[in-house]
Protein backbone atom coordinates (compact mmCIF):
# COMPACT_ATOMS: atom_id res chain seq x y z
CA UNK A 1 -193.84 48.61 99.17
CA UNK A 2 -192.54 48.39 95.59
CA UNK A 3 -190.21 45.54 96.57
CA UNK A 4 -193.22 43.62 97.82
CA UNK A 5 -195.06 44.24 94.53
CA UNK A 6 -192.06 42.98 92.57
CA UNK A 7 -191.93 39.86 94.74
CA UNK A 8 -195.69 39.40 94.26
CA UNK A 9 -195.28 39.62 90.46
CA UNK A 10 -192.44 37.09 90.58
CA UNK A 11 -194.54 34.75 92.73
CA UNK A 12 -197.42 35.06 90.25
CA UNK A 13 -195.05 34.19 87.39
CA UNK A 14 -193.73 31.16 89.27
CA UNK A 15 -197.29 30.05 90.00
CA UNK A 16 -198.26 30.28 86.33
CA UNK A 17 -195.16 28.25 85.36
CA UNK A 18 -196.13 25.62 87.93
CA UNK A 19 -199.66 25.56 86.52
CA UNK A 20 -198.20 24.67 83.14
CA UNK A 21 -195.52 22.32 84.49
CA UNK A 22 -197.76 20.04 86.56
CA UNK A 23 -200.04 18.59 83.83
CA UNK A 24 -197.36 18.66 81.15
CA UNK A 25 -194.83 16.81 83.29
CA UNK A 26 -197.39 14.22 84.37
CA UNK A 27 -198.26 13.54 80.74
CA UNK A 28 -194.60 13.19 79.78
CA UNK A 29 -193.99 10.94 82.79
CA UNK A 30 -196.90 8.74 81.72
CA UNK A 31 -195.44 8.34 78.22
CA UNK A 32 -191.93 7.65 79.57
CA UNK A 33 -193.20 5.11 82.09
CA UNK A 34 -195.19 3.33 79.37
CA UNK A 35 -192.01 3.08 77.31
CA UNK A 36 -190.08 1.87 80.32
CA UNK A 37 -192.66 -0.80 81.14
CA UNK A 38 -192.60 -1.98 77.54
CA UNK A 39 -188.81 -2.25 77.66
CA UNK A 40 -188.89 -4.12 80.98
CA UNK A 41 -191.46 -6.66 79.78
CA UNK A 42 -190.49 -7.19 76.13
CA UNK A 43 -186.71 -6.78 75.83
CA UNK A 44 -183.87 -8.93 77.07
CA UNK A 45 -181.81 -6.00 78.42
CA UNK A 46 -184.03 -4.52 81.10
CA UNK A 47 -181.59 -1.82 82.27
CA UNK A 48 -182.85 0.95 79.92
CA UNK A 49 -186.42 0.15 80.92
CA UNK A 50 -185.62 0.58 84.59
CA UNK A 51 -183.79 3.83 83.77
CA UNK A 52 -186.90 5.10 81.97
CA UNK A 53 -189.04 4.16 84.98
CA UNK A 54 -186.63 5.94 87.34
CA UNK A 55 -186.78 9.11 85.22
CA UNK A 56 -190.58 8.94 85.11
CA UNK A 57 -190.74 8.43 88.88
CA UNK A 58 -188.48 11.47 89.40
CA UNK A 59 -190.68 13.61 87.15
CA UNK A 60 -193.82 12.46 88.97
CA UNK A 61 -192.31 13.31 92.37
CA UNK A 62 -191.27 16.77 91.14
CA UNK A 63 -194.81 17.39 89.81
CA UNK A 64 -196.34 16.47 93.17
CA UNK A 65 -193.88 18.73 94.99
CA UNK A 66 -194.89 21.57 92.64
CA UNK A 67 -198.54 20.79 93.34
CA UNK A 68 -198.02 20.86 97.10
CA UNK A 69 -196.10 24.15 96.90
CA UNK A 70 -198.50 25.70 94.35
CA UNK A 71 -199.96 28.28 96.75
CA UNK A 72 -199.00 31.90 96.07
CA UNK A 73 -198.61 33.45 99.53
CA UNK A 74 -198.78 37.00 98.21
CA UNK A 75 -202.13 36.43 96.54
CA UNK A 76 -203.43 34.74 99.69
CA UNK A 77 -202.52 37.92 101.61
CA UNK A 78 -204.23 40.09 98.98
CA UNK A 79 -201.03 41.54 97.52
CA UNK A 80 -201.10 41.54 93.72
CA UNK A 81 -198.72 42.90 91.11
CA UNK A 82 -198.79 46.32 89.51
CA UNK A 83 -200.19 45.16 86.17
CA UNK A 84 -202.99 43.20 87.81
CA UNK A 85 -203.80 46.09 90.13
CA UNK A 86 -204.16 48.51 87.21
CA UNK A 87 -206.28 45.95 85.36
CA UNK A 88 -208.55 45.56 88.37
CA UNK A 89 -208.91 49.32 88.73
CA UNK A 90 -209.96 49.62 85.08
CA UNK A 91 -212.43 46.74 85.39
CA UNK A 92 -213.95 48.24 88.54
CA UNK A 93 -214.26 51.65 86.86
CA UNK A 94 -215.99 50.09 83.83
CA UNK A 95 -218.39 48.13 86.04
CA UNK A 96 -219.20 51.23 88.03
CA UNK A 97 -219.83 53.23 84.84
CA UNK A 98 -222.17 50.53 83.52
CA UNK A 99 -224.01 50.44 86.84
CA UNK A 100 -224.44 54.21 86.83
CA UNK A 101 -225.67 54.18 83.22
CA UNK A 102 -228.20 51.49 84.07
CA UNK A 103 -229.36 53.38 87.14
CA UNK A 104 -229.81 56.62 85.15
CA UNK A 105 -231.74 54.79 82.44
CA UNK A 106 -234.22 53.39 84.98
CA UNK A 107 -234.90 56.71 86.69
CA UNK A 108 -235.32 58.79 83.53
CA UNK A 109 -238.15 56.73 81.97
CA UNK A 110 -239.54 54.03 84.25
CA UNK A 111 -242.14 52.86 81.70
CA UNK A 112 -239.91 52.68 78.67
CA UNK A 113 -241.39 49.37 77.50
CA UNK A 114 -244.98 50.66 77.25
CA UNK A 115 -246.02 52.78 74.26
CA UNK A 116 -247.06 56.38 74.84
CA UNK A 117 -250.68 56.81 75.93
CA UNK A 118 -251.14 53.27 77.19
CA UNK A 119 -250.48 53.97 80.85
CA UNK A 120 -253.31 52.56 82.99
CA UNK A 121 -255.22 50.87 80.14
CA UNK A 122 -255.77 47.15 80.05
CA UNK A 123 -255.27 45.12 76.94
CA UNK A 124 -257.83 42.48 76.18
CA UNK A 125 -257.20 39.63 73.81
CA UNK A 126 -258.99 39.84 70.49
CA UNK A 127 -261.84 37.47 69.82
CA UNK A 128 -261.07 34.39 67.77
CA UNK A 129 -262.71 34.34 64.36
């Protein structure tokens, strides 16, 4: 089971790297392709411009491949890493403690908003002067 947790942690790391790589690479590819298009349209030697466009196209294809393969199969199965599992356990324990505290507060004094001695009395608005 520990081997599977290690693989799940590695898959989570790879997924987070992909999450950073996809938008960053698309931005860089946009800048490179803009430079390539400028070189193709406004210079006499168009070879560097086409090289820039080829590099940008390669980066765009790699970003789309990363997007298609973005799914983390371990997380889809419900297997998470050790650090995340301990973090979830702590968060669940804190939420349960807060829920229990709230439940105890409601049962101990159900009319905590009303002042003492005002149970069952109606309040009437004062007359306007």
